[in-house]
Amino acid sequence: MPPASNRQLRSATLLGLACGLRTFSAPAALALRNRPLNAPRRAALLAALVELVADKLPSMPSRLKRRGLTGRLLSSSATGGSIAGPAGAATAALAALASAVAGNRARTAIASPIAAFAEDGLAIALATIGAGGRGG
C-alpha cells in the first residue's frame, strides 16, 4: 500500500474529529457516499440517528468513560484507515481523542441543549467534508 497523501490524511483527521464528537458521524457520512445503501450502510445511518437523539438524554454517560471513548476510537480508526491506511487510522484516532476531550469540556461549560445541537452540526459538517476528500 502506498503512503497516504496529505489529502487523505486531512480527510482522516476530519473524520476522526467528527467521531470524537459523535461516534457514528463519520461512518454515516461514508455510507452516504457509496451507493447502493446496503444493510451495513443503512445500519451506520441508523446508528448515527439514534446517537443524535440519545446524546441529548440526561442519562447519557460521559463520552470520556471507557465505553464511549473506546467506541469513538474504534470508529475513528476504522474510518480513518479506510481513507488513508494505517497512518489514517492513527491520525483519526488521535483527532477523535482530542475532539472528545474538547467536546466534553465545551458541553460541561455550556450545559444547554443549544450546545448539543451545535455540536451535532459541527460533527456532521466535519464528517461530510472529511468524506468528500476521499481521493488521493
C-alpha atoms as a PDB file:
ATOM      1  CA  MET A   1       0.000   0.000   0.000  1.00  0.00           C
ATOM      2  CA  PRO A   2       1.465   3.393  -0.960  1.00  0.00           C
ATOM      3  CA  PRO A   3       1.863   6.031   1.745  1.00  0.00           C
ATOM      4  CA  ALA A   4      -1.176   8.164   2.444  1.00  0.00           C
ATOM      5  CA  SER A   5      -1.341  11.503   0.668  1.00  0.00           C
ATOM      6  CA  ASN A   6      -1.750  14.761   2.549  1.00  0.00           C
ATOM      7  CA  ARG A   7      -5.316  14.989   1.246  1.00  0.00           C
ATOM      8  CA  GLN A   8      -6.133  11.529   2.575  1.00  0.00           C
ATOM      9  CA  LEU A   9      -4.618  12.369   5.963  1.00  0.00           C
ATOM     10  CA  ARG A  10      -6.623  15.609   6.124  1.00  0.00           C
ATOM     11  CA  SER A  11      -9.776  13.617   5.399  1.00  0.00           C
ATOM     12  CA  ALA A  12      -8.871  11.068   8.061  1.00  0.00           C
ATOM     13  CA  THR A  13      -8.257  13.888  10.545  1.00  0.00           C
ATOM     14  CA  LEU A  14     -11.637  15.487   9.824  1.00  0.00           C
ATOM     15  CA  LEU A  15     -13.393  12.138  10.126  1.00  0.00           C
ATOM     16  CA  GLY A  16     -11.604  11.490  13.409  1.00  0.00           C
ATOM     17  CA  LEU A  17     -12.604  14.890  14.764  1.00  0.00           C
ATOM     18  CA  ALA A  18     -16.205  14.097  13.843  1.00  0.00           C
ATOM     19  CA  CYS A  19     -16.064  10.707  15.604  1.00  0.00           C
ATOM     20  CA  GLY A  20     -14.780  12.329  18.771  1.00  0.00           C
ATOM     21  CA  LEU A  21     -17.955  14.411  18.856  1.00  0.00           C
ATOM     22  CA  ARG A  22     -20.400  11.782  17.546  1.00  0.00           C
ATOM     23  CA  THR A  23     -19.209   8.195  17.259  1.00  0.00           C
ATOM     24  CA  PHE A  24     -21.207   7.287  14.171  1.00  0.00           C
ATOM     25  CA  SER A  25     -20.998  10.568  12.260  1.00  0.00           C
ATOM     26  CA  ALA A  26     -18.046   9.570  10.070  1.00  0.00           C
ATOM     27  CA  PRO A  27     -19.286   6.046   9.244  1.00  0.00           C
ATOM     28  CA  ALA A  28     -22.647   7.564   8.310  1.00  0.00           C
ATOM     29  CA  ALA A  29     -21.020  10.180   6.077  1.00  0.00           C
ATOM     30  CA  LEU A  30     -19.014   7.483   4.320  1.00  0.00           C
ATOM     31  CA  ALA A  31     -22.129   5.319   3.977  1.00  0.00           C
ATOM     32  CA  LEU A  32     -23.934   8.143   2.206  1.00  0.00           C
ATOM     33  CA  ARG A  33     -21.086   8.466  -0.303  1.00  0.00           C
ATOM     34  CA  ASN A  34     -21.498   4.889  -1.501  1.00  0.00           C
ATOM     35  CA  ARG A  35     -24.456   3.555  -3.381  1.00  0.00           C
ATOM     36  CA  PRO A  36     -26.485   1.458  -3.129  1.00  0.00           C
ATOM     37  CA  LEU A  37     -27.250   1.741   0.560  1.00  0.00           C
ATOM     38  CA  ASN A  38     -26.806  -1.888   1.551  1.00  0.00           C
ATOM     39  CA  ALA A  39     -27.611  -3.273   5.003  1.00  0.00           C
ATOM     40  CA  PRO A  40     -24.322  -2.296   6.708  1.00  0.00           C
ATOM     41  CA  ARG A  41     -24.560   1.250   5.334  1.00  0.00           C
ATOM     42  CA  ARG A  42     -28.165   1.568   6.466  1.00  0.00           C
ATOM     43  CA  ALA A  43     -27.120   0.299   9.908  1.00  0.00           C
ATOM     44  CA  ALA A  44     -24.430   3.024  10.119  1.00  0.00           C
ATOM     45  CA  LEU A  45     -27.018   5.666   9.252  1.00  0.00           C
ATOM     46  CA  LEU A  46     -29.490   4.310  11.801  1.00  0.00           C
ATOM     47  CA  ALA A  47     -26.794   4.221  14.495  1.00  0.00           C
ATOM     48  CA  ALA A  48     -25.915   7.854  13.734  1.00  0.00           C
ATOM     49  CA  LEU A  49     -29.556   8.921  14.008  1.00  0.00           C
ATOM     50  CA  VAL A  50     -30.055   7.040  17.276  1.00  0.00           C
ATOM     51  CA  GLU A  51     -26.886   8.613  18.653  1.00  0.00           C
ATOM     52  CA  LEU A  52     -28.097  12.122  17.779  1.00  0.00           C
ATOM     53  CA  VAL A  53     -31.215  11.537  19.880  1.00  0.00           C
ATOM     54  CA  ALA A  54     -29.595   9.560  22.696  1.00  0.00           C
ATOM     55  CA  ASP A  55     -26.892  12.167  23.197  1.00  0.00           C
ATOM     56  CA  LYS A  56     -29.493  14.622  24.460  1.00  0.00           C
ATOM     57  CA  LEU A  57     -30.716  12.309  27.231  1.00  0.00           C
ATOM     58  CA  PRO A  58     -29.613  13.278  30.744  1.00  0.00           C
ATOM     59  CA  SER A  59     -28.782   9.635  31.494  1.00  0.00           C
ATOM     60  CA  MET A  60     -26.108   9.541  28.777  1.00  0.00           C
ATOM     61  CA  PRO A  61     -22.701   8.925  30.407  1.00  0.00           C
ATOM     62  CA  SER A  62     -19.623  10.990  29.667  1.00  0.00           C
ATOM     63  CA  ARG A  63     -18.005  10.399  26.311  1.00  0.00           C
ATOM     64  CA  LEU A  64     -14.723  10.084  28.198  1.00  0.00           C
ATOM     65  CA  LYS A  65     -15.791   6.968  30.093  1.00  0.00           C
ATOM     66  CA  ARG A  66     -14.256   3.752  28.814  1.00  0.00           C
ATOM     67  CA  ARG A  67     -17.227   2.544  26.766  1.00  0.00           C
ATOM     68  CA  GLY A  68     -17.850   5.843  24.994  1.00  0.00           C
ATOM     69  CA  LEU A  69     -14.214   6.623  24.362  1.00  0.00           C
ATOM     70  CA  THR A  70     -13.452   3.115  23.111  1.00  0.00           C
ATOM     71  CA  GLY A  71     -16.288   3.335  20.611  1.00  0.00           C
ATOM     72  CA  ARG A  72     -15.077   6.718  19.377  1.00  0.00           C
ATOM     73  CA  LEU A  73     -11.515   5.488  18.972  1.00  0.00           C
ATOM     74  CA  LEU A  74     -12.583   2.318  17.145  1.00  0.00           C
ATOM     75  CA  SER A  75     -14.972   4.202  14.872  1.00  0.00           C
ATOM     76  CA  SER A  76     -12.391   6.850  14.036  1.00  0.00           C
ATOM     77  CA  SER A  77      -9.655   4.273  13.437  1.00  0.00           C
ATOM     78  CA  ALA A  78     -11.874   2.296  11.077  1.00  0.00           C
ATOM     79  CA  THR A  79     -12.973   5.311   9.080  1.00  0.00           C
ATOM     80  CA  GLY A  80      -9.521   6.907   9.007  1.00  0.00           C
ATOM     81  CA  GLY A  81      -7.993   3.603   7.988  1.00  0.00           C
ATOM     82  CA  SER A  82     -10.490   3.182   5.167  1.00  0.00           C
ATOM     83  CA  ILE A  83      -9.388   6.551   3.777  1.00  0.00           C
ATOM     84  CA  ALA A  84      -5.638   6.556   4.417  1.00  0.00           C
ATOM     85  CA  GLY A  85      -4.497   3.156   5.659  1.00  0.00           C
ATOM     86  CA  PRO A  86      -2.629   2.694   8.942  1.00  0.00           C
ATOM     87  CA  ALA A  87      -1.434   6.309   9.059  1.00  0.00           C
ATOM     88  CA  GLY A  88      -5.028   7.457   8.611  1.00  0.00           C
ATOM     89  CA  ALA A  89      -6.228   5.143  11.370  1.00  0.00           C
ATOM     90  CA  ALA A  90      -3.680   6.551  13.816  1.00  0.00           C
ATOM     91  CA  THR A  91      -4.303  10.145  12.759  1.00  0.00           C
ATOM     92  CA  ALA A  92      -8.068   9.762  13.051  1.00  0.00           C
ATOM     93  CA  ALA A  93      -7.830   8.132  16.489  1.00  0.00           C
ATOM     94  CA  LEU A  94      -5.666  10.967  17.815  1.00  0.00           C
ATOM     95  CA  ALA A  95      -8.052  13.535  16.334  1.00  0.00           C
ATOM     96  CA  ALA A  96     -11.017  11.723  17.913  1.00  0.00           C
ATOM     97  CA  LEU A  97      -9.356  11.734  21.308  1.00  0.00           C
ATOM     98  CA  ALA A  98      -8.676  15.466  21.043  1.00  0.00           C
ATOM     99  CA  SER A  99     -12.208  16.341  19.935  1.00  0.00           C
ATOM    100  CA  ALA A 100     -13.795  14.047  22.548  1.00  0.00           C
ATOM    101  CA  VAL A 101     -11.932  15.900  25.291  1.00  0.00           C
ATOM    102  CA  ALA A 102     -12.681  19.312  23.763  1.00  0.00           C
ATOM    103  CA  GLY A 103     -16.330  18.442  23.208  1.00  0.00           C
ATOM    104  CA  ASN A 104     -16.683  17.204  26.767  1.00  0.00           C
ATOM    105  CA  ARG A 105     -15.196  20.418  28.128  1.00  0.00           C
ATOM    106  CA  ALA A 106     -17.452  22.543  25.940  1.00  0.00           C
ATOM    107  CA  ARG A 107     -20.591  20.629  26.885  1.00  0.00           C
ATOM    108  CA  THR A 108     -19.661  20.867  30.568  1.00  0.00           C
ATOM    109  CA  ALA A 109     -19.057  24.610  30.307  1.00  0.00           C
ATOM    110  CA  ILE A 110     -22.198  25.241  28.240  1.00  0.00           C
ATOM    111  CA  ALA A 111     -24.878  22.987  29.688  1.00  0.00           C
ATOM    112  CA  SER A 112     -27.554  23.801  27.150  1.00  0.00           C
ATOM    113  CA  PRO A 113     -29.480  21.856  24.532  1.00  0.00           C
ATOM    114  CA  ILE A 114     -28.375  24.506  22.045  1.00  0.00           C
ATOM    115  CA  ALA A 115     -24.756  23.496  22.651  1.00  0.00           C
ATOM    116  CA  ALA A 116     -25.650  19.871  21.952  1.00  0.00           C
ATOM    117  CA  PHE A 117     -27.311  20.795  18.658  1.00  0.00           C
ATOM    118  CA  ALA A 118     -24.360  22.991  17.707  1.00  0.00           C
ATOM    119  CA  GLU A 119     -22.065  20.051  18.413  1.00  0.00           C
ATOM    120  CA  ASP A 120     -24.263  17.851  16.205  1.00  0.00           C
ATOM    121  CA  GLY A 121     -23.918  20.365  13.394  1.00  0.00           C
ATOM    122  CA  LEU A 122     -20.154  20.556  13.798  1.00  0.00           C
ATOM    123  CA  ALA A 123     -19.810  16.759  13.810  1.00  0.00           C
ATOM    124  CA  ILE A 124     -21.957  16.439  10.685  1.00  0.00           C
ATOM    125  CA  ALA A 125     -20.027  19.198   8.895  1.00  0.00           C
ATOM    126  CA  LEU A 126     -16.639  17.678   9.762  1.00  0.00           C
ATOM    127  CA  ALA A 127     -17.767  14.214   8.681  1.00  0.00           C
ATOM    128  CA  THR A 128     -19.272  15.489   5.430  1.00  0.00           C
ATOM    129  CA  ILE A 129     -16.168  17.458   4.497  1.00  0.00           C
ATOM    130  CA  GLY A 130     -13.887  14.574   5.505  1.00  0.00           C
ATOM    131  CA  ALA A 131     -15.872  12.047   3.498  1.00  0.00           C
ATOM    132  CA  GLY A 132     -15.770  14.351   0.479  1.00  0.00           C
ATOM    133  CA  GLY A 133     -11.965  14.314   0.371  1.00  0.00           C
ATOM    134  CA  ARG A 134     -11.525  10.570  -0.110  1.00  0.00           C
ATOM    135  CA  GLY A 135      -9.381  10.809  -3.221  1.00  0.00           C
ATOM    136  CA  GLY A 136      -5.609  10.593  -3.275  1.00  0.00           C
END
